[in-house]
């Protein structure tokens, strides 16, 4: 029976030349926020590169920059409530925690669907593990946030993808 090579001998995944160029461009697009108050955990857009932002987003954000780029976009484009009031990220976190405390009529279906959602991914493969619990909480909260749509099975993979880059809050 063949044996697997030791981890130290397994070559690191390589990035294509195109991806390497894209990573370099994104390093210049986002700059560290000195105050730490910007979105995406302390990142902000380089003002000199704003004209290129939309074009580069459509071409694709490199994996290592997704959390920073998406977080900064979310911070920039704050969510609206039905009353038209804009919420800050900290207010959204408080609202998320409040939604977790309330019961949802969709909890049984969410609990059935969570184990089937991207079950091959290391974050979601353990039943009632941290990844599955986080996914349940996000879907539970969203089902209450939008009562007209509630919960549908297609929300799981979208939320799971976002959980790869962000905390549940």
N, C-alpha and C. Protein backbone atom coordinates (compact mmCIF):
# COMPACT_ATOMS: atom_id res chain seq x y z
N UNK A 1 0.85 -1.18 0.00
CA UNK A 1 0.00 0.00 0.00
C UNK A 1 0.89 1.24 0.00
N UNK A 2 0.67 2.17 -0.95
CA UNK A 2 1.51 3.36 -1.02
C UNK A 2 1.25 4.27 0.19
N UNK A 3 2.29 4.96 0.60
CA UNK A 3 2.16 5.88 1.72
C UNK A 3 2.18 7.32 1.21
N UNK A 4 1.58 8.19 1.96
CA UNK A 4 1.56 9.60 1.60
C UNK A 4 2.88 10.24 2.00
N UNK A 5 3.36 11.21 1.22
CA UNK A 5 4.59 11.89 1.60
C UNK A 5 4.35 12.75 2.84
N UNK A 6 5.40 12.98 3.63
CA UNK A 6 5.21 13.85 4.80
C UNK A 6 4.76 15.24 4.36
N UNK A 7 4.07 15.92 5.25
CA UNK A 7 3.52 17.24 4.94
C UNK A 7 4.62 18.19 4.45
N UNK A 8 5.80 18.12 5.03
CA UNK A 8 6.87 19.04 4.65
C UNK A 8 7.31 18.83 3.20
N UNK A 9 7.02 17.67 2.63
CA UNK A 9 7.43 17.39 1.25
C UNK A 9 6.32 17.67 0.24
N UNK A 10 5.13 17.98 0.72
CA UNK A 10 4.03 18.29 -0.18
C UNK A 10 4.22 19.73 -0.67
N UNK A 11 4.26 19.93 -1.98
CA UNK A 11 4.49 21.29 -2.48
C UNK A 11 3.33 22.22 -2.11
N UNK A 12 3.67 23.45 -1.82
CA UNK A 12 2.65 24.45 -1.50
C UNK A 12 1.84 24.75 -2.76
N UNK A 13 0.56 25.07 -2.59
CA UNK A 13 -0.23 25.41 -3.77
C UNK A 13 0.35 26.65 -4.44
N UNK A 14 0.37 26.62 -5.74
CA UNK A 14 0.93 27.75 -6.48
C UNK A 14 -0.19 28.60 -7.03
N UNK A 15 0.12 29.86 -7.23
CA UNK A 15 -0.85 30.76 -7.84
C UNK A 15 -0.41 31.02 -9.27
N UNK A 16 -1.38 31.20 -10.12
CA UNK A 16 -1.06 31.46 -11.53
C UNK A 16 -0.43 32.84 -11.65
N UNK A 17 0.31 33.07 -12.72
CA UNK A 17 0.91 34.41 -12.92
C UNK A 17 -0.15 35.52 -12.95
N UNK A 18 -1.29 35.23 -13.54
CA UNK A 18 -2.37 36.22 -13.60
C UNK A 18 -2.87 36.55 -12.19
N UNK A 19 -3.02 35.51 -11.36
CA UNK A 19 -3.47 35.71 -9.98
C UNK A 19 -2.44 36.50 -9.18
N UNK A 20 -1.16 36.23 -9.41
CA UNK A 20 -0.09 36.95 -8.72
C UNK A 20 -0.13 38.44 -9.07
N UNK A 21 -0.36 38.74 -10.33
CA UNK A 21 -0.46 40.14 -10.76
C UNK A 21 -1.68 40.79 -10.11
N UNK A 22 -2.80 40.06 -10.07
CA UNK A 22 -4.01 40.59 -9.47
C UNK A 22 -3.82 40.86 -7.97
N UNK A 23 -3.11 39.97 -7.29
CA UNK A 23 -2.83 40.16 -5.86
C UNK A 23 -2.04 41.45 -5.65
N UNK A 24 -1.03 41.68 -6.50
CA UNK A 24 -0.24 42.91 -6.40
C UNK A 24 -1.08 44.16 -6.60
N UNK A 25 -2.02 44.09 -7.54
CA UNK A 25 -2.89 45.24 -7.78
C UNK A 25 -3.78 45.51 -6.58
N UNK A 26 -4.29 44.43 -5.97
CA UNK A 26 -5.15 44.60 -4.80
C UNK A 26 -4.37 45.09 -3.59
N UNK A 27 -3.09 44.76 -3.50
CA UNK A 27 -2.27 45.29 -2.41
C UNK A 27 -2.17 46.81 -2.50
N UNK A 28 -2.24 47.33 -3.70
CA UNK A 28 -2.20 48.78 -3.88
C UNK A 28 -3.59 49.41 -3.78
N UNK A 29 -4.65 48.61 -3.98
CA UNK A 29 -6.02 49.12 -3.90
C UNK A 29 -6.44 49.40 -2.46
N UNK A 30 -6.08 48.51 -1.55
CA UNK A 30 -6.48 48.64 -0.15
C UNK A 30 -5.27 49.02 0.69
N UNK A 31 -5.48 49.98 1.56
CA UNK A 31 -4.39 50.39 2.45
C UNK A 31 -4.85 50.26 3.89
N UNK A 32 -3.92 50.04 4.77
CA UNK A 32 -4.24 49.89 6.18
C UNK A 32 -4.73 51.22 6.73
N UNK A 33 -5.82 51.16 7.48
CA UNK A 33 -6.36 52.38 8.09
C UNK A 33 -5.62 52.65 9.39
N UNK A 34 -5.03 53.82 9.49
CA UNK A 34 -4.24 54.16 10.69
C UNK A 34 -5.11 54.19 11.93
N UNK A 35 -6.36 54.65 11.79
CA UNK A 35 -7.24 54.76 12.96
C UNK A 35 -7.82 53.42 13.37
N UNK A 36 -7.83 52.45 12.48
CA UNK A 36 -8.43 51.15 12.78
C UNK A 36 -9.94 51.17 12.76
N UNK A 37 -10.54 52.29 12.38
CA UNK A 37 -11.98 52.39 12.40
C UNK A 37 -12.64 52.11 11.07
N UNK A 38 -11.87 51.78 10.08
CA UNK A 38 -12.44 51.53 8.75
C UNK A 38 -12.98 50.11 8.68
N UNK A 39 -13.68 49.82 7.60
CA UNK A 39 -14.26 48.50 7.43
C UNK A 39 -13.20 47.46 7.12
N UNK A 40 -13.63 46.20 7.08
CA UNK A 40 -12.72 45.13 6.71
C UNK A 40 -11.56 44.98 7.67
N UNK A 41 -11.81 45.17 8.97
CA UNK A 41 -10.79 45.01 10.00
C UNK A 41 -9.60 45.94 9.80
N UNK A 42 -9.88 47.21 9.57
CA UNK A 42 -8.81 48.19 9.51
C UNK A 42 -8.28 48.49 8.13
N UNK A 43 -9.05 48.28 7.10
CA UNK A 43 -8.62 48.58 5.73
C UNK A 43 -9.49 49.69 5.18
N UNK A 44 -8.94 50.43 4.24
CA UNK A 44 -9.71 51.43 3.52
C UNK A 44 -9.22 51.47 2.08
N UNK A 45 -10.04 52.06 1.22
CA UNK A 45 -9.70 52.14 -0.19
C UNK A 45 -8.64 53.22 -0.40
N UNK A 46 -7.70 52.93 -1.25
CA UNK A 46 -6.70 53.91 -1.65
C UNK A 46 -7.42 54.92 -2.53
N UNK A 47 -7.50 56.20 -2.12
CA UNK A 47 -8.27 57.18 -2.89
C UNK A 47 -7.79 57.33 -4.34
N UNK A 48 -6.52 57.06 -4.59
CA UNK A 48 -5.98 57.19 -5.94
C UNK A 48 -6.42 56.04 -6.85
N UNK A 49 -6.95 54.97 -6.27
CA UNK A 49 -7.32 53.79 -7.06
C UNK A 49 -8.83 53.57 -7.15
N UNK A 50 -9.63 54.53 -6.68
CA UNK A 50 -11.09 54.33 -6.65
C UNK A 50 -11.70 54.15 -8.04
N UNK A 51 -11.12 54.78 -9.06
CA UNK A 51 -11.67 54.65 -10.41
C UNK A 51 -11.59 53.21 -10.91
N UNK A 52 -10.58 52.47 -10.47
CA UNK A 52 -10.37 51.09 -10.93
C UNK A 52 -11.15 50.07 -10.10
N UNK A 53 -11.72 50.49 -8.98
CA UNK A 53 -12.32 49.54 -8.04
C UNK A 53 -13.41 48.67 -8.68
N UNK A 54 -14.38 49.27 -9.32
CA UNK A 54 -15.49 48.50 -9.90
C UNK A 54 -14.97 47.50 -10.92
N UNK A 55 -14.08 47.93 -11.77
CA UNK A 55 -13.52 47.05 -12.80
C UNK A 55 -12.81 45.85 -12.16
N UNK A 56 -12.03 46.11 -11.13
CA UNK A 56 -11.28 45.03 -10.48
C UNK A 56 -12.19 44.11 -9.69
N UNK A 57 -13.24 44.65 -9.09
CA UNK A 57 -14.19 43.79 -8.37
C UNK A 57 -14.85 42.83 -9.36
N UNK A 58 -15.24 43.32 -10.53
CA UNK A 58 -15.87 42.45 -11.52
C UNK A 58 -14.91 41.40 -12.06
N UNK A 59 -13.62 41.71 -12.10
CA UNK A 59 -12.64 40.72 -12.54
C UNK A 59 -12.40 39.65 -11.48
N UNK A 60 -12.69 39.99 -10.24
CA UNK A 60 -12.55 39.03 -9.15
C UNK A 60 -11.54 39.48 -8.11
N UNK A 61 -11.95 39.36 -6.86
CA UNK A 61 -11.07 39.71 -5.75
C UNK A 61 -10.26 38.47 -5.39
N UNK A 62 -8.93 38.57 -5.34
CA UNK A 62 -8.13 37.41 -4.96
C UNK A 62 -8.52 36.90 -3.57
N UNK A 63 -8.41 35.61 -3.37
CA UNK A 63 -8.85 34.98 -2.13
C UNK A 63 -8.30 35.68 -0.90
N UNK A 64 -7.03 35.99 -0.89
CA UNK A 64 -6.44 36.57 0.32
C UNK A 64 -6.92 37.99 0.60
N UNK A 65 -7.55 38.65 -0.37
CA UNK A 65 -8.04 40.01 -0.16
C UNK A 65 -9.56 40.08 0.00
N UNK A 66 -10.25 38.96 -0.08
CA UNK A 66 -11.72 39.00 -0.05
C UNK A 66 -12.27 39.56 1.25
N UNK A 67 -11.76 39.12 2.37
CA UNK A 67 -12.28 39.60 3.65
C UNK A 67 -12.13 41.11 3.76
N UNK A 68 -10.96 41.62 3.44
CA UNK A 68 -10.71 43.06 3.54
C UNK A 68 -11.57 43.84 2.54
N UNK A 69 -11.61 43.38 1.29
CA UNK A 69 -12.36 44.11 0.26
C UNK A 69 -13.86 44.06 0.53
N UNK A 70 -14.40 42.88 0.79
CA UNK A 70 -15.83 42.76 1.04
C UNK A 70 -16.23 43.52 2.31
N UNK A 71 -15.41 43.42 3.35
CA UNK A 71 -15.71 44.14 4.59
C UNK A 71 -15.72 45.64 4.39
N UNK A 72 -14.78 46.13 3.60
CA UNK A 72 -14.71 47.56 3.33
C UNK A 72 -15.90 48.01 2.48
N UNK A 73 -16.32 47.19 1.53
CA UNK A 73 -17.50 47.52 0.73
C UNK A 73 -18.76 47.55 1.59
N UNK A 74 -18.87 46.60 2.52
CA UNK A 74 -20.04 46.57 3.41
C UNK A 74 -20.05 47.81 4.30
N UNK A 75 -18.90 48.14 4.84
CA UNK A 75 -18.80 49.33 5.70
C UNK A 75 -19.18 50.58 4.92
N UNK A 76 -18.75 50.65 3.68
CA UNK A 76 -19.02 51.82 2.85
C UNK A 76 -20.50 51.93 2.50
N UNK A 77 -21.10 50.80 2.28
CA UNK A 77 -22.49 50.78 1.83
C UNK A 77 -23.36 50.19 2.93
N UNK A 78 -23.56 50.97 3.97
CA UNK A 78 -24.26 50.49 5.15
C UNK A 78 -25.67 50.06 4.81
N UNK A 79 -26.13 49.09 5.59
CA UNK A 79 -27.46 48.53 5.38
C UNK A 79 -28.55 49.50 5.83
N UNK A 80 -29.66 49.50 5.11
CA UNK A 80 -30.80 50.35 5.48
C UNK A 80 -31.86 49.52 6.20
N UNK A 81 -32.48 50.14 7.16
CA UNK A 81 -33.66 49.54 7.79
C UNK A 81 -34.89 49.96 7.01
N UNK A 82 -36.00 49.37 7.33
CA UNK A 82 -37.24 49.73 6.63
C UNK A 82 -37.57 51.21 6.82
N UNK A 83 -37.24 51.77 7.99
CA UNK A 83 -37.54 53.18 8.25
C UNK A 83 -36.62 54.11 7.47
N UNK A 84 -35.65 53.57 6.77
CA UNK A 84 -34.73 54.39 6.01
C UNK A 84 -33.52 54.83 6.81
N UNK A 85 -33.44 54.41 8.06
CA UNK A 85 -32.30 54.79 8.90
C UNK A 85 -31.11 53.90 8.59
N UNK A 86 -29.96 54.50 8.43
CA UNK A 86 -28.74 53.74 8.17
C UNK A 86 -28.17 53.25 9.48
N UNK A 87 -27.67 52.02 9.47
CA UNK A 87 -27.09 51.41 10.66
C UNK A 87 -25.58 51.32 10.52
N UNK A 88 -24.88 51.56 11.61
CA UNK A 88 -23.44 51.35 11.61
C UNK A 88 -23.19 49.85 11.79
N UNK A 89 -21.96 49.43 11.57
CA UNK A 89 -21.62 48.02 11.73
C UNK A 89 -21.84 47.58 13.18
N UNK A 90 -21.50 48.44 14.14
CA UNK A 90 -21.71 48.06 15.54
C UNK A 90 -23.20 47.93 15.86
N UNK A 91 -24.05 48.77 15.27
CA UNK A 91 -25.50 48.64 15.47
C UNK A 91 -26.02 47.35 14.83
N UNK A 92 -25.45 46.98 13.68
CA UNK A 92 -25.86 45.72 13.04
C UNK A 92 -25.48 44.52 13.91
N UNK A 93 -24.33 44.60 14.57
CA UNK A 93 -23.91 43.50 15.45
C UNK A 93 -24.88 43.35 16.63
N UNK A 94 -25.30 44.47 17.20
CA UNK A 94 -26.26 44.43 18.31
C UNK A 94 -27.58 43.84 17.82
N UNK A 95 -28.03 44.26 16.65
CA UNK A 95 -29.27 43.75 16.08
C UNK A 95 -29.17 42.24 15.83
N UNK A 96 -28.01 41.79 15.34
CA UNK A 96 -27.78 40.36 15.10
C UNK A 96 -27.92 39.58 16.41
N UNK A 97 -27.31 40.07 17.47
CA UNK A 97 -27.41 39.37 18.77
C UNK A 97 -28.85 39.33 19.26
N UNK A 98 -29.60 40.41 19.04
CA UNK A 98 -31.01 40.43 19.45
C UNK A 98 -31.82 39.42 18.64
N UNK A 99 -31.54 39.30 17.35
CA UNK A 99 -32.25 38.34 16.51
C UNK A 99 -31.97 36.90 16.94
N UNK A 100 -30.78 36.64 17.45
CA UNK A 100 -30.44 35.28 17.89
C UNK A 100 -31.27 34.84 19.08
N UNK A 101 -31.70 35.79 19.90
CA UNK A 101 -32.46 35.45 21.11
C UNK A 101 -33.92 35.13 20.82
N UNK A 102 -34.44 35.59 19.71
CA UNK A 102 -35.85 35.37 19.39
C UNK A 102 -36.03 34.04 18.65
N UNK A 103 -37.14 33.33 18.93
CA UNK A 103 -37.39 32.06 18.21
C UNK A 103 -37.81 32.32 16.77
N UNK A 104 -37.53 31.35 15.92
CA UNK A 104 -37.90 31.45 14.51
C UNK A 104 -38.68 30.21 14.11
N UNK A 105 -39.70 30.39 13.31
CA UNK A 105 -40.50 29.25 12.84
C UNK A 105 -39.72 28.37 11.86
N UNK A 106 -38.57 28.85 11.39
CA UNK A 106 -37.78 28.12 10.41
C UNK A 106 -36.66 27.29 11.03
N UNK A 107 -36.51 27.31 12.35
CA UNK A 107 -35.38 26.66 13.00
C UNK A 107 -35.27 25.17 12.71
N UNK A 108 -36.39 24.47 12.67
CA UNK A 108 -36.35 23.02 12.42
C UNK A 108 -35.80 22.74 11.03
N UNK A 109 -36.27 23.47 10.03
CA UNK A 109 -35.79 23.26 8.66
C UNK A 109 -34.33 23.67 8.53
N UNK A 110 -33.95 24.76 9.17
CA UNK A 110 -32.55 25.19 9.12
C UNK A 110 -31.67 24.11 9.73
N UNK A 111 -32.09 23.56 10.86
CA UNK A 111 -31.31 22.51 11.53
C UNK A 111 -31.18 21.26 10.65
N UNK A 112 -32.18 20.96 9.86
CA UNK A 112 -32.10 19.81 8.94
C UNK A 112 -31.15 20.10 7.77
N UNK A 113 -31.13 21.34 7.29
CA UNK A 113 -30.35 21.69 6.11
C UNK A 113 -28.88 21.98 6.39
N UNK A 114 -28.56 22.47 7.58
CA UNK A 114 -27.17 22.85 7.89
C UNK A 114 -26.18 21.71 7.66
N UNK A 115 -26.44 20.48 8.12
CA UNK A 115 -25.45 19.41 7.89
C UNK A 115 -25.25 19.07 6.41
N UNK A 116 -26.22 19.39 5.58
CA UNK A 116 -26.11 19.09 4.15
C UNK A 116 -25.42 20.20 3.38
N UNK A 117 -25.15 21.31 4.03
CA UNK A 117 -24.56 22.46 3.36
C UNK A 117 -23.04 22.37 3.39
N UNK A 118 -22.45 22.20 2.24
CA UNK A 118 -20.99 22.13 2.08
C UNK A 118 -20.36 21.24 3.15
N UNK A 119 -20.92 20.05 3.31
CA UNK A 119 -20.46 19.15 4.38
C UNK A 119 -19.04 18.64 4.16
N UNK A 120 -18.51 18.76 2.96
CA UNK A 120 -17.14 18.33 2.71
C UNK A 120 -16.09 19.35 3.12
N UNK A 121 -16.51 20.57 3.42
CA UNK A 121 -15.57 21.62 3.82
C UNK A 121 -15.19 21.43 5.29
N UNK A 122 -13.93 21.64 5.59
CA UNK A 122 -13.42 21.40 6.94
C UNK A 122 -14.16 22.24 7.99
N UNK A 123 -14.62 23.41 7.63
CA UNK A 123 -15.32 24.26 8.58
C UNK A 123 -16.70 23.71 8.94
N UNK A 124 -17.31 22.96 8.03
CA UNK A 124 -18.69 22.54 8.22
C UNK A 124 -18.89 21.03 8.35
N UNK A 125 -17.83 20.25 8.42
CA UNK A 125 -18.01 18.79 8.39
C UNK A 125 -18.41 18.19 9.74
N UNK A 126 -18.16 18.86 10.85
CA UNK A 126 -18.50 18.31 12.17
C UNK A 126 -19.90 18.75 12.57
N UNK A 127 -20.76 17.77 12.86
CA UNK A 127 -22.13 18.07 13.29
C UNK A 127 -22.08 18.84 14.60
N UNK A 128 -22.75 19.96 14.63
CA UNK A 128 -22.80 20.88 15.77
C UNK A 128 -21.42 21.44 16.10
N UNK A 129 -20.50 21.40 15.15
CA UNK A 129 -19.19 22.04 15.32
C UNK A 129 -19.34 23.55 15.18
N UNK A 130 -18.26 24.26 15.36
CA UNK A 130 -18.30 25.72 15.32
C UNK A 130 -18.84 26.25 13.99
N UNK A 131 -18.42 25.67 12.88
CA UNK A 131 -18.88 26.14 11.58
C UNK A 131 -20.37 25.92 11.38
N UNK A 132 -20.87 24.74 11.74
CA UNK A 132 -22.29 24.47 11.58
C UNK A 132 -23.13 25.33 12.52
N UNK A 133 -22.64 25.55 13.73
CA UNK A 133 -23.38 26.42 14.66
C UNK A 133 -23.43 27.85 14.12
N UNK A 134 -22.30 28.34 13.62
CA UNK A 134 -22.27 29.70 13.06
C UNK A 134 -23.23 29.82 11.89
N UNK A 135 -23.24 28.81 11.02
CA UNK A 135 -24.15 28.82 9.87
C UNK A 135 -25.60 28.82 10.34
N UNK A 136 -25.92 28.01 11.33
CA UNK A 136 -27.28 27.98 11.87
C UNK A 136 -27.67 29.36 12.40
N UNK A 137 -26.79 29.98 13.18
CA UNK A 137 -27.09 31.29 13.77
C UNK A 137 -27.34 32.35 12.70
N UNK A 138 -26.52 32.36 11.67
CA UNK A 138 -26.68 33.36 10.60
C UNK A 138 -28.01 33.14 9.88
N UNK A 139 -28.32 31.90 9.54
CA UNK A 139 -29.58 31.62 8.84
C UNK A 139 -30.79 31.90 9.73
N UNK A 140 -30.68 31.58 11.01
CA UNK A 140 -31.74 31.85 11.98
C UNK A 140 -32.01 33.36 12.05
N UNK A 141 -30.94 34.15 12.18
CA UNK A 141 -31.09 35.60 12.28
C UNK A 141 -31.68 36.18 11.00
N UNK A 142 -31.19 35.71 9.85
CA UNK A 142 -31.70 36.26 8.60
C UNK A 142 -33.17 35.91 8.38
N UNK A 143 -33.57 34.72 8.81
CA UNK A 143 -34.98 34.33 8.63
C UNK A 143 -35.91 35.26 9.39
N UNK A 144 -35.42 35.89 10.44
CA UNK A 144 -36.23 36.85 11.19
C UNK A 144 -36.09 38.26 10.65
N UNK A 145 -34.93 38.57 10.12
CA UNK A 145 -34.67 39.90 9.60
C UNK A 145 -35.55 40.19 8.38
N UNK A 146 -35.79 39.17 7.59
CA UNK A 146 -36.60 39.33 6.38
C UNK A 146 -37.79 38.37 6.45
N UNK A 147 -38.85 38.75 7.16
CA UNK A 147 -39.99 37.83 7.32
C UNK A 147 -40.68 37.46 6.01
N UNK A 148 -40.62 38.33 5.00
CA UNK A 148 -41.30 38.02 3.74
C UNK A 148 -40.64 36.86 3.01
N UNK A 149 -39.32 36.71 3.14
CA UNK A 149 -38.66 35.57 2.49
C UNK A 149 -38.32 34.48 3.49
N UNK A 150 -38.22 34.80 4.77
CA UNK A 150 -37.96 33.77 5.78
C UNK A 150 -36.67 33.04 5.53
N UNK A 151 -36.78 31.73 5.31
CA UNK A 151 -35.61 30.90 5.03
C UNK A 151 -35.91 30.02 3.84
N UNK A 152 -34.96 29.91 2.93
CA UNK A 152 -35.03 28.93 1.85
C UNK A 152 -33.68 28.22 1.78
N UNK A 153 -33.69 27.01 1.28
CA UNK A 153 -32.50 26.16 1.31
C UNK A 153 -31.31 26.77 0.57
N UNK A 154 -31.55 27.56 -0.44
CA UNK A 154 -30.46 28.17 -1.20
C UNK A 154 -29.65 29.20 -0.45
N UNK A 155 -30.13 29.64 0.71
CA UNK A 155 -29.39 30.62 1.51
C UNK A 155 -28.17 30.00 2.17
N UNK A 156 -28.21 28.71 2.44
CA UNK A 156 -27.13 28.04 3.16
C UNK A 156 -25.77 28.15 2.50
N UNK A 157 -25.63 27.78 1.22
CA UNK A 157 -24.32 27.89 0.58
C UNK A 157 -23.79 29.32 0.49
N UNK A 158 -24.69 30.28 0.33
CA UNK A 158 -24.25 31.68 0.28
C UNK A 158 -23.70 32.10 1.63
N UNK A 159 -24.45 31.79 2.69
CA UNK A 159 -23.99 32.14 4.04
C UNK A 159 -22.71 31.39 4.38
N UNK A 160 -22.60 30.13 3.97
CA UNK A 160 -21.39 29.34 4.26
C UNK A 160 -20.17 29.94 3.58
N UNK A 161 -20.34 30.41 2.35
CA UNK A 161 -19.23 31.05 1.65
C UNK A 161 -18.77 32.31 2.40
N UNK A 162 -19.72 33.12 2.83
CA UNK A 162 -19.37 34.34 3.56
C UNK A 162 -18.71 34.01 4.90
N UNK A 163 -19.13 32.93 5.54
CA UNK A 163 -18.53 32.54 6.82
C UNK A 163 -17.08 32.11 6.67
N UNK A 164 -16.66 31.78 5.47
CA UNK A 164 -15.25 31.46 5.24
C UNK A 164 -14.37 32.71 5.36
N UNK A 165 -14.97 33.88 5.23
CA UNK A 165 -14.21 35.13 5.23
C UNK A 165 -14.56 36.08 6.37
N UNK A 166 -15.71 35.86 7.02
CA UNK A 166 -16.16 36.77 8.07
C UNK A 166 -16.62 36.00 9.30
N UNK A 167 -16.65 36.71 10.42
CA UNK A 167 -17.25 36.18 11.63
C UNK A 167 -18.77 36.21 11.46
N UNK A 168 -19.50 35.38 12.20
CA UNK A 168 -20.96 35.36 12.03
C UNK A 168 -21.64 36.72 12.23
N UNK A 169 -21.11 37.54 13.09
CA UNK A 169 -21.73 38.84 13.34
C UNK A 169 -21.62 39.72 12.12
